[in-house]
Structures are given as C-alpha cells and as structure tokens.
C-alpha atoms as a PDB file:
ATOM      1  CA  UNK A   1      44.159 -26.161  34.863  1.00  0.00           C
ATOM      2  CA  UNK A   2      42.113 -29.059  34.974  1.00  0.00           C
ATOM      3  CA  UNK A   3      42.860 -32.156  32.485  1.00  0.00           C
ATOM      4  CA  UNK A   4      39.844 -34.359  32.386  1.00  0.00           C
ATOM      5  CA  UNK A   5      38.428 -37.677  30.288  1.00  0.00           C
ATOM      6  CA  UNK A   6      34.866 -38.830  30.823  1.00  0.00           C
ATOM      7  CA  UNK A   7      32.744 -41.575  28.613  1.00  0.00           C
ATOM      8  CA  UNK A   8      29.183 -41.761  30.233  1.00  0.00           C
ATOM      9  CA  UNK A   9      29.385 -37.986  32.194  1.00  0.00           C
ATOM     10  CA  UNK A  10      30.337 -39.063  35.823  1.00  0.00           C
ATOM     11  CA  UNK A  11      33.775 -37.693  35.398  1.00  0.00           C
ATOM     12  CA  UNK A  12      32.450 -34.811  33.159  1.00  0.00           C
ATOM     13  CA  UNK A  13      30.403 -33.820  35.934  1.00  0.00           C
ATOM     14  CA  UNK A  14      33.065 -34.050  38.595  1.00  0.00           C
ATOM     15  CA  UNK A  15      35.170 -31.737  36.405  1.00  0.00           C
ATOM     16  CA  UNK A  16      32.549 -29.237  35.327  1.00  0.00           C
ATOM     17  CA  UNK A  17      31.889 -28.616  38.765  1.00  0.00           C
ATOM     18  CA  UNK A  18      35.111 -28.333  40.215  1.00  0.00           C
ATOM     19  CA  UNK A  19      36.124 -25.815  37.554  1.00  0.00           C
ATOM     20  CA  UNK A  20      33.058 -23.702  38.331  1.00  0.00           C
ATOM     21  CA  UNK A  21      34.103 -23.626  42.233  1.00  0.00           C
ATOM     22  CA  UNK A  22      37.485 -23.270  41.635  1.00  0.00           C
ATOM     23  CA  UNK A  23      37.549 -20.736  38.650  1.00  0.00           C
ATOM     24  CA  UNK A  24      39.706 -23.093  36.825  1.00  0.00           C
ATOM     25  CA  UNK A  25      40.289 -23.687  32.899  1.00  0.00           C
ATOM     26  CA  UNK A  26      38.664 -27.337  31.993  1.00  0.00           C
ATOM     27  CA  UNK A  27      40.566 -29.212  29.126  1.00  0.00           C
ATOM     28  CA  UNK A  28      39.024 -32.655  27.508  1.00  0.00           C
ATOM     29  CA  UNK A  29      41.746 -35.039  27.459  1.00  0.00           C
ATOM     30  CA  UNK A  30      40.625 -36.350  23.921  1.00  0.00           C
ATOM     31  CA  UNK A  31      40.467 -33.158  22.249  1.00  0.00           C
ATOM     32  CA  UNK A  32      43.387 -31.547  22.662  1.00  0.00           C
ATOM     33  CA  UNK A  33      45.176 -35.210  21.936  1.00  0.00           C
ATOM     34  CA  UNK A  34      43.819 -34.680  18.669  1.00  0.00           C
ATOM     35  CA  UNK A  35      45.146 -31.441  18.191  1.00  0.00           C
ATOM     36  CA  UNK A  36      48.602 -32.999  19.516  1.00  0.00           C
ATOM     37  CA  UNK A  37      48.584 -29.679  22.013  1.00  0.00           C
ATOM     38  CA  UNK A  38      50.758 -30.815  24.697  1.00  0.00           C
ATOM     39  CA  UNK A  39      52.826 -27.638  25.924  1.00  0.00           C
ATOM     40  CA  UNK A  40      51.352 -25.211  28.618  1.00  0.00           C
ATOM     41  CA  UNK A  41      52.700 -22.592  30.603  1.00  0.00           C
ATOM     42  CA  UNK A  42      51.622 -22.360  34.350  1.00  0.00           C
ATOM     43  CA  UNK A  43      51.378 -19.079  36.122  1.00  0.00           C
ATOM     44  CA  UNK A  44      52.939 -18.398  39.517  1.00  0.00           C
ATOM     45  CA  UNK A  45      50.569 -20.465  42.094  1.00  0.00           C
ATOM     46  CA  UNK A  46      48.646 -22.001  39.317  1.00  0.00           C
ATOM     47  CA  UNK A  47      47.611 -25.873  40.103  1.00  0.00           C
ATOM     48  CA  UNK A  48      47.116 -28.644  38.061  1.00  0.00           C
ATOM     49  CA  UNK A  49      44.634 -31.458  37.965  1.00  0.00           C
ATOM     50  CA  UNK A  50      43.648 -34.448  36.591  1.00  0.00           C
ATOM     51  CA  UNK A  51      39.954 -36.109  36.486  1.00  0.00           C
ATOM     52  CA  UNK A  52      38.979 -39.575  35.482  1.00  0.00           C
ATOM     53  CA  UNK A  53      37.028 -42.718  35.758  1.00  0.00           C
ATOM     54  CA  UNK A  54      39.017 -45.878  37.245  1.00  0.00           C
ATOM     55  CA  UNK A  55      39.130 -48.438  34.600  1.00  0.00           C
ATOM     56  CA  UNK A  56      39.961 -52.165  36.038  1.00  0.00           C
ATOM     57  CA  UNK A  57      41.298 -50.557  39.025  1.00  0.00           C
ATOM     58  CA  UNK A  58      43.952 -47.953  37.032  1.00  0.00           C
ATOM     59  CA  UNK A  59      43.961 -44.813  35.574  1.00  0.00           C
ATOM     60  CA  UNK A  60      42.511 -45.413  31.739  1.00  0.00           C
ATOM     61  CA  UNK A  61      45.579 -46.249  29.270  1.00  0.00           C
ATOM     62  CA  UNK A  62      44.367 -43.457  27.131  1.00  0.00           C
ATOM     63  CA  UNK A  63      45.259 -40.804  30.209  1.00  0.00           C
ATOM     64  CA  UNK A  64      48.350 -42.515  30.945  1.00  0.00           C
ATOM     65  CA  UNK A  65      49.371 -42.012  27.398  1.00  0.00           C
ATOM     66  CA  UNK A  66      48.264 -38.538  26.987  1.00  0.00           C
ATOM     67  CA  UNK A  67      50.513 -37.362  30.385  1.00  0.00           C
ATOM     68  CA  UNK A  68      53.575 -39.006  28.979  1.00  0.00           C
ATOM     69  CA  UNK A  69      53.472 -36.326  26.201  1.00  0.00           C
ATOM     70  CA  UNK A  70      52.614 -33.448  28.751  1.00  0.00           C
ATOM     71  CA  UNK A  71      55.352 -30.714  28.931  1.00  0.00           C
ATOM     72  CA  UNK A  72      55.061 -27.892  31.424  1.00  0.00           C
ATOM     73  CA  UNK A  73      56.861 -24.602  31.845  1.00  0.00           C
ATOM     74  CA  UNK A  74      57.521 -25.393  35.319  1.00  0.00           C
ATOM     75  CA  UNK A  75      56.757 -28.580  37.663  1.00  0.00           C
ATOM     76  CA  UNK A  76      56.752 -27.061  41.258  1.00  0.00           C
ATOM     77  CA  UNK A  77      53.165 -26.911  41.131  1.00  0.00           C
ATOM     78  CA  UNK A  78      50.636 -28.431  43.095  1.00  0.00           C
ATOM     79  CA  UNK A  79      49.559 -31.658  41.509  1.00  0.00           C
ATOM     80  CA  UNK A  80      45.809 -33.350  42.291  1.00  0.00           C
ATOM     81  CA  UNK A  81      43.974 -36.139  40.889  1.00  0.00           C
ATOM     82  CA  UNK A  82      40.019 -36.753  41.244  1.00  0.00           C
ATOM     83  CA  UNK A  83      38.949 -40.154  40.195  1.00  0.00           C
ATOM     84  CA  UNK A  84      35.489 -41.276  39.944  1.00  0.00           C
ATOM     85  CA  UNK A  85      34.295 -45.059  40.523  1.00  0.00           C
ATOM     86  CA  UNK A  86      31.715 -47.661  41.512  1.00  0.00           C
ATOM     87  CA  UNK A  87      33.333 -48.780  44.546  1.00  0.00           C
ATOM     88  CA  UNK A  88      37.231 -49.062  44.947  1.00  0.00           C
ATOM     89  CA  UNK A  89      39.954 -47.812  42.967  1.00  0.00           C
ATOM     90  CA  UNK A  90      42.918 -50.618  43.796  1.00  0.00           C
ATOM     91  CA  UNK A  91      46.526 -49.273  43.117  1.00  0.00           C
ATOM     92  CA  UNK A  92      45.600 -46.059  40.766  1.00  0.00           C
ATOM     93  CA  UNK A  93      47.286 -43.844  43.165  1.00  0.00           C
ATOM     94  CA  UNK A  94      50.509 -45.290  43.122  1.00  0.00           C
ATOM     95  CA  UNK A  95      50.093 -45.835  39.114  1.00  0.00           C
ATOM     96  CA  UNK A  96      49.152 -42.301  38.778  1.00  0.00           C
ATOM     97  CA  UNK A  97      51.818 -40.806  41.179  1.00  0.00           C
ATOM     98  CA  UNK A  98      54.208 -42.896  38.746  1.00  0.00           C
ATOM     99  CA  UNK A  99      53.165 -41.543  35.679  1.00  0.00           C
ATOM    100  CA  UNK A 100      53.245 -37.816  36.593  1.00  0.00           C
ATOM    101  CA  UNK A 101      56.515 -38.189  38.487  1.00  0.00           C
ATOM    102  CA  UNK A 102      57.910 -39.419  35.030  1.00  0.00           C
ATOM    103  CA  UNK A 103      57.126 -35.647  33.329  1.00  0.00           C
ATOM    104  CA  UNK A 104      58.501 -34.203  36.677  1.00  0.00           C
ATOM    105  CA  UNK A 105      55.211 -33.400  39.039  1.00  0.00           C
ATOM    106  CA  UNK A 106      54.565 -34.730  42.222  1.00  0.00           C
ATOM    107  CA  UNK A 107      51.555 -35.832  43.219  1.00  0.00           C
ATOM    108  CA  UNK A 108      50.224 -34.349  46.197  1.00  0.00           C
ATOM    109  CA  UNK A 109      46.714 -35.115  46.495  1.00  0.00           C
ATOM    110  CA  UNK A 110      44.043 -37.847  45.786  1.00  0.00           C
ATOM    111  CA  UNK A 111      40.583 -37.922  45.600  1.00  0.00           C
ATOM    112  CA  UNK A 112      37.863 -40.334  45.187  1.00  0.00           C
ATOM    113  CA  UNK A 113      34.367 -39.697  44.324  1.00  0.00           C
ATOM    114  CA  UNK A 114      31.879 -42.854  44.318  1.00  0.00           C
ATOM    115  CA  UNK A 115      29.733 -42.532  41.194  1.00  0.00           C
ATOM    116  CA  UNK A 116      26.872 -45.057  39.775  1.00  0.00           C
ATOM    117  CA  UNK A 117      28.325 -47.915  37.831  1.00  0.00           C
ATOM    118  CA  UNK A 118      28.326 -47.483  34.358  1.00  0.00           C
ATOM    119  CA  UNK A 119      30.526 -50.723  33.252  1.00  0.00           C
ATOM    120  CA  UNK A 120      28.571 -53.630  32.496  1.00  0.00           C
ATOM    121  CA  UNK A 121      30.078 -55.600  29.895  1.00  0.00           C
ATOM    122  CA  UNK A 122      31.822 -58.529  31.820  1.00  0.00           C
ATOM    123  CA  UNK A 123      29.589 -61.441  33.158  1.00  0.00           C
ATOM    124  CA  UNK A 124      28.235 -60.510  36.651  1.00  0.00           C
ATOM    125  CA  UNK A 125      28.528 -56.945  36.388  1.00  0.00           C
ATOM    126  CA  UNK A 126      25.309 -54.740  35.975  1.00  0.00           C
ATOM    127  CA  UNK A 127      24.576 -51.176  36.607  1.00  0.00           C
ATOM    128  CA  UNK A 128      23.266 -49.625  39.975  1.00  0.00           C
ATOM    129  CA  UNK A 129      19.829 -49.849  41.006  1.00  0.00           C
ATOM    130  CA  UNK A 130      18.077 -46.670  40.532  1.00  0.00           C
ATOM    131  CA  UNK A 131      17.844 -45.713  44.214  1.00  0.00           C
ATOM    132  CA  UNK A 132      21.951 -46.557  45.155  1.00  0.00           C
ATOM    133  CA  UNK A 133      22.493 -44.564  41.699  1.00  0.00           C
ATOM    134  CA  UNK A 134      20.780 -41.655  42.940  1.00  0.00           C
ATOM    135  CA  UNK A 135      22.449 -41.808  46.923  1.00  0.00           C
ATOM    136  CA  UNK A 136      26.022 -41.785  44.972  1.00  0.00           C
ATOM    137  CA  UNK A 137      25.011 -39.062  43.240  1.00  0.00           C
ATOM    138  CA  UNK A 138      23.539 -37.020  46.311  1.00  0.00           C
ATOM    139  CA  UNK A 139      26.589 -37.540  48.240  1.00  0.00           C
ATOM    140  CA  UNK A 140      29.148 -36.786  45.744  1.00  0.00           C
ATOM    141  CA  UNK A 141      27.082 -32.982  45.386  1.00  0.00           C
ATOM    142  CA  UNK A 142      28.005 -32.958  49.203  1.00  0.00           C
ATOM    143  CA  UNK A 143      31.591 -33.792  48.943  1.00  0.00           C
ATOM    144  CA  UNK A 144      32.518 -31.649  46.073  1.00  0.00           C
ATOM    145  CA  UNK A 145      32.625 -28.292  48.174  1.00  0.00           C
ATOM    146  CA  UNK A 146      35.189 -30.238  50.527  1.00  0.00           C
ATOM    147  CA  UNK A 147      37.024 -31.394  48.067  1.00  0.00           C
ATOM    148  CA  UNK A 148      37.409 -27.628  46.394  1.00  0.00           C
ATOM    149  CA  UNK A 149      38.416 -26.675  49.342  1.00  0.00           C
ATOM    150  CA  UNK A 150      41.467 -28.659  50.006  1.00  0.00           C
ATOM    151  CA  UNK A 151      42.360 -28.287  46.492  1.00  0.00           C
ATOM    152  CA  UNK A 152      42.149 -24.776  47.018  1.00  0.00           C
ATOM    153  CA  UNK A 153      44.250 -24.543  49.793  1.00  0.00           C
ATOM    154  CA  UNK A 154      46.682 -27.120  48.225  1.00  0.00           C
ATOM    155  CA  UNK A 155      45.918 -29.710  51.056  1.00  0.00           C
ATOM    156  CA  UNK A 156      48.428 -32.594  50.690  1.00  0.00           C
ATOM    157  CA  UNK A 157      45.907 -35.635  50.827  1.00  0.00           C
ATOM    158  CA  UNK A 158      47.217 -38.870  49.579  1.00  0.00           C
ATOM    159  CA  UNK A 159      47.004 -42.586  50.379  1.00  0.00           C
ATOM    160  CA  UNK A 160      43.312 -42.236  51.623  1.00  0.00           C
ATOM    161  CA  UNK A 161      41.397 -43.713  48.330  1.00  0.00           C
ATOM    162  CA  UNK A 162      39.312 -47.027  49.261  1.00  0.00           C
ATOM    163  CA  UNK A 163      41.854 -49.927  47.361  1.00  0.00           C
ATOM    164  CA  UNK A 164      39.352 -52.378  47.869  1.00  0.00           C
ATOM    165  CA  UNK A 165      40.496 -56.120  48.315  1.00  0.00           C
ATOM    166  CA  UNK A 166      43.468 -57.505  46.532  1.00  0.00           C
ATOM    167  CA  UNK A 167      44.420 -54.641  45.038  1.00  0.00           C
ATOM    168  CA  UNK A 168      47.828 -55.160  43.674  1.00  0.00           C
ATOM    169  CA  UNK A 169      46.194 -58.212  41.905  1.00  0.00           C
ATOM    170  CA  UNK A 170      43.466 -56.489  40.183  1.00  0.00           C
ATOM    171  CA  UNK A 171      45.932 -52.915  39.373  1.00  0.00           C
ATOM    172  CA  UNK A 172      48.397 -55.651  37.919  1.00  0.00           C
ATOM    173  CA  UNK A 173      48.038 -59.025  36.198  1.00  0.00           C
ATOM    174  CA  UNK A 174      44.391 -58.253  35.884  1.00  0.00           C
ATOM    175  CA  UNK A 175      43.775 -54.998  34.656  1.00  0.00           C
ATOM    176  CA  UNK A 176      47.007 -56.117  31.824  1.00  0.00           C
ATOM    177  CA  UNK A 177      44.596 -58.841  30.993  1.00  0.00           C
ATOM    178  CA  UNK A 178      41.557 -56.251  30.778  1.00  0.00           C
ATOM    179  CA  UNK A 179      43.528 -54.079  28.353  1.00  0.00           C
ATOM    180  CA  UNK A 180      44.525 -56.699  26.356  1.00  0.00           C
ATOM    181  CA  UNK A 181      40.879 -58.219  25.658  1.00  0.00           C
ATOM    182  CA  UNK A 182      39.530 -54.774  25.311  1.00  0.00           C
ATOM    183  CA  UNK A 183      37.744 -54.142  21.743  1.00  0.00           C
ATOM    184  CA  UNK A 184      35.151 -52.942  19.905  1.00  0.00           C
ATOM    185  CA  UNK A 185      34.381 -55.691  17.455  1.00  0.00           C
ATOM    186  CA  UNK A 186      31.687 -57.318  19.963  1.00  0.00           C
ATOM    187  CA  UNK A 187      29.800 -53.685  19.471  1.00  0.00           C
ATOM    188  CA  UNK A 188      26.324 -54.064  17.320  1.00  0.00           C
ATOM    189  CA  UNK A 189      23.059 -52.752  16.644  1.00  0.00           C
ATOM    190  CA  UNK A 190      19.915 -54.353  16.651  1.00  0.00           C
ATOM    191  CA  UNK A 191      16.534 -53.798  14.501  1.00  0.00           C
ATOM    192  CA  UNK A 192      15.765 -50.383  16.985  1.00  0.00           C
ATOM    193  CA  UNK A 193      18.489 -48.151  15.692  1.00  0.00           C
ATOM    194  CA  UNK A 194      17.315 -45.352  13.838  1.00  0.00           C
ATOM    195  CA  UNK A 195      20.464 -44.367  12.614  1.00  0.00           C
ATOM    196  CA  UNK A 196      20.086 -41.121  14.148  1.00  0.00           C
ATOM    197  CA  UNK A 197      23.951 -40.453  14.578  1.00  0.00           C
ATOM    198  CA  UNK A 198      24.213 -40.246  18.689  1.00  0.00           C
ATOM    199  CA  UNK A 199      26.808 -42.870  19.080  1.00  0.00           C
ATOM    200  CA  UNK A 200      28.805 -40.632  16.832  1.00  0.00           C
ATOM    201  CA  UNK A 201      28.552 -37.709  18.385  1.00  0.00           C
ATOM    202  CA  UNK A 202      29.397 -39.246  22.085  1.00  0.00           C
ATOM    203  CA  UNK A 203      32.058 -41.141  21.352  1.00  0.00           C
ATOM    204  CA  UNK A 204      35.209 -39.402  23.015  1.00  0.00           C
ATOM    205  CA  UNK A 205      37.523 -40.776  20.611  1.00  0.00           C
ATOM    206  CA  UNK A 206      35.510 -40.431  17.785  1.00  0.00           C
ATOM    207  CA  UNK A 207      35.758 -43.878  16.720  1.00  0.00           C
ATOM    208  CA  UNK A 208      32.328 -44.468  15.338  1.00  0.00           C
ATOM    209  CA  UNK A 209      31.036 -43.776  12.131  1.00  0.00           C
ATOM    210  CA  UNK A 210      27.747 -44.244  10.248  1.00  0.00           C
ATOM    211  CA  UNK A 211      28.491 -46.387   7.292  1.00  0.00           C
ATOM    212  CA  UNK A 212      25.179 -46.924   4.993  1.00  0.00           C
ATOM    213  CA  UNK A 213      23.062 -45.464   7.544  1.00  0.00           C
ATOM    214  CA  UNK A 214      24.620 -47.728  10.378  1.00  0.00           C
ATOM    215  CA  UNK A 215      27.566 -47.188  13.125  1.00  0.00           C
ATOM    216  CA  UNK A 216      30.512 -49.059  12.612  1.00  0.00           C
ATOM    217  CA  UNK A 217      33.055 -49.029  15.504  1.00  0.00           C
ATOM    218  CA  UNK A 218      36.550 -48.583  13.873  1.00  0.00           C
ATOM    219  CA  UNK A 219      39.200 -49.974  16.471  1.00  0.00           C
ATOM    220  CA  UNK A 220      39.838 -47.269  18.501  1.00  0.00           C
ATOM    221  CA  UNK A 221      37.920 -48.137  21.449  1.00  0.00           C
ATOM    222  CA  UNK A 222      38.690 -47.781  25.279  1.00  0.00           C
ATOM    223  CA  UNK A 223      35.005 -49.377  26.013  1.00  0.00           C
ATOM    224  CA  UNK A 224      33.641 -46.246  27.734  1.00  0.00           C
ATOM    225  CA  UNK A 225      30.029 -47.510  26.718  1.00  0.00           C
ATOM    226  CA  UNK A 226      28.959 -43.841  25.884  1.00  0.00           C
ATOM    227  CA  UNK A 227      27.714 -45.121  22.786  1.00  0.00           C
ATOM    228  CA  UNK A 228      25.635 -48.169  24.367  1.00  0.00           C
ATOM    229  CA  UNK A 229      24.617 -46.185  27.031  1.00  0.00           C
ATOM    230  CA  UNK A 230      23.641 -42.643  25.303  1.00  0.00           C
ATOM    231  CA  UNK A 231      21.886 -44.701  22.605  1.00  0.00           C
ATOM    232  CA  UNK A 232      18.010 -43.309  22.615  1.00  0.00           C
ATOM    233  CA  UNK A 233      16.958 -46.215  21.400  1.00  0.00           C
ATOM    234  CA  UNK A 234      19.098 -48.920  23.371  1.00  0.00           C
ATOM    235  CA  UNK A 235      19.733 -50.423  19.942  1.00  0.00           C
ATOM    236  CA  UNK A 236      23.300 -50.659  20.731  1.00  0.00           C
ATOM    237  CA  UNK A 237      24.301 -54.024  22.343  1.00  0.00           C
ATOM    238  CA  UNK A 238      27.733 -55.555  23.061  1.00  0.00           C
ATOM    239  CA  UNK A 239      27.494 -59.062  21.945  1.00  0.00           C
ATOM    240  CA  UNK A 240      24.930 -60.875  24.407  1.00  0.00           C
ATOM    241  CA  UNK A 241      26.578 -59.487  27.476  1.00  0.00           C
ATOM    242  CA  UNK A 242      24.781 -56.309  27.737  1.00  0.00           C
ATOM    243  CA  UNK A 243      21.200 -57.432  26.744  1.00  0.00           C
ATOM    244  CA  UNK A 244      18.479 -56.421  29.341  1.00  0.00           C
ATOM    245  CA  UNK A 245      21.057 -54.388  31.604  1.00  0.00           C
ATOM    246  CA  UNK A 246      19.695 -51.053  31.279  1.00  0.00           C
ATOM    247  CA  UNK A 247      21.375 -47.826  30.723  1.00  0.00           C
ATOM    248  CA  UNK A 248      23.112 -45.333  32.677  1.00  0.00           C
ATOM    249  CA  UNK A 249      24.860 -41.714  31.981  1.00  0.00           C
ATOM    250  CA  UNK A 250      25.146 -38.385  34.149  1.00  0.00           C
ATOM    251  CA  UNK A 251      21.687 -36.778  34.041  1.00  0.00           C
ATOM    252  CA  UNK A 252      19.572 -39.338  33.129  1.00  0.00           C
ATOM    253  CA  UNK A 253      18.045 -41.910  35.605  1.00  0.00           C
ATOM    254  CA  UNK A 254      19.459 -44.854  35.911  1.00  0.00           C
ATOM    255  CA  UNK A 255      17.138 -47.720  33.655  1.00  0.00           C
ATOM    256  CA  UNK A 256      18.837 -50.968  35.406  1.00  0.00           C
ATOM    257  CA  UNK A 257      16.476 -54.043  34.479  1.00  0.00           C
ATOM    258  CA  UNK A 258      18.419 -56.453  37.093  1.00  0.00           C
END
C-alpha cells in the first residue's frame, strides 16, 4: 500500500504513477486522517510506501503526525519513501526513518524526485522558469520506471538523497522556526475573486470555507499553497509576498512572472 500527501499535485503524480506500475493500493493521508482510519492488515510480501513533498527540508508535520497513529498487523515489511522537492531535502531521510522506527518499521529505501518548485511565499523564493519546470517533469517521468523496479524488487537504497549544504541547520533549527511561523492569516483575495469555490475543493485539509461568497481560512493550514496555485483568476494572495510570482500546479504550465 502507498500512503501519500500532496498539495499542488507533484507528489500526487508520483504516487499515482507508482501505484499504476506496481498495482498497489493508493491512500490519501488527509482523507484517512479525517476518517481516523489508522489500523491496517498486511498480506505476505506486501510493502508500505510513503510519498510526500519536502517541507522546510523535512517531512511535512502532518505526515509525521499521521505516522505516529498508524498500526500494522505486521512490521517485518519492506518500507520505503519517495519524496518530491525543488532541489534538496536536508535531513528528511533521517527524520522520516526515526518516525517509522517508532511504530516498528524499518526504512529500507528512499528515493527523491526533483519537481517544479511550488513554495514562493518567502522573500527571494520564486517559481521555476517554465523551461526548467518542464525539464524537471520530463526527467521525473524517466526516473519513475527505475524507481518502481527497485521497489518491486525490494532493493535497499538509502543515504543517496541530495541533502544540500548545511542540512542539519536547515532541517532542525530553521525548520522549527518555519513550523512555528506557519500561518494562513496573510491569505486574502483581490477584486478578481469570482467566488467559484475552487480553493475550497482543492484544500487537502478542508481548511477553507466560503463566507459571504468569499474564501475564509480557518487556521488549520500547512502552507501547501494549493489554494493560491489552483485559483483560476489568480485572486488569492499571501500578504504582499506572492504578488507577481505566478502560479504552478502539476499538469499546468508554470506561469512564473519573475
């Protein structure tokens, strides 16, 4: 079985592609978290996969919280993770390995797929140029059959992810600061908003509601930016930081304006 989380579609594409190749069941983490479905029976030879984007050089906190609640009928199973990121992952592998070890699993393989950048609500961070975004997607499509083959053969592949420079600094103190500062308060709409409700439907955490025909963010936000990127009118902004930075989600050409 494959557990996955995705906001703007990069990790969803990877998860669906591997699920199709491996003929494995796909489970969307926020959905089963809402249903509080945490107990799973495993068949002989079945593997457990986790696919998610890297947030602040670590697994998203919602993924780590979800893992703590999981219970499996057996733990002597091949366990792997596939992460997506814009360039590097810091200490993501170590953090994730520790999380699954606490519920009795041993991480035996880690894979990284570089995908177009989606996080641009910090000063100096922007989307990839369209040509670079497309090259990343094309390369990802070439890598997937190889990754699927290694998973199917239960190959042990660890300590090969691109950590980048100062990985411990990024994945620990900087990440902690990032998590503390995470908020949906700066989100707002401009006069371009047509009250279509797209932001409501794409939010993986169901954090957005329409009030007086305008979106309202309700405090349970992981800053995945799905609402921003999927808005058909580019009417959602994050303070003044997102102004003019364009939009991207998987399947749509990057509209970087920088």
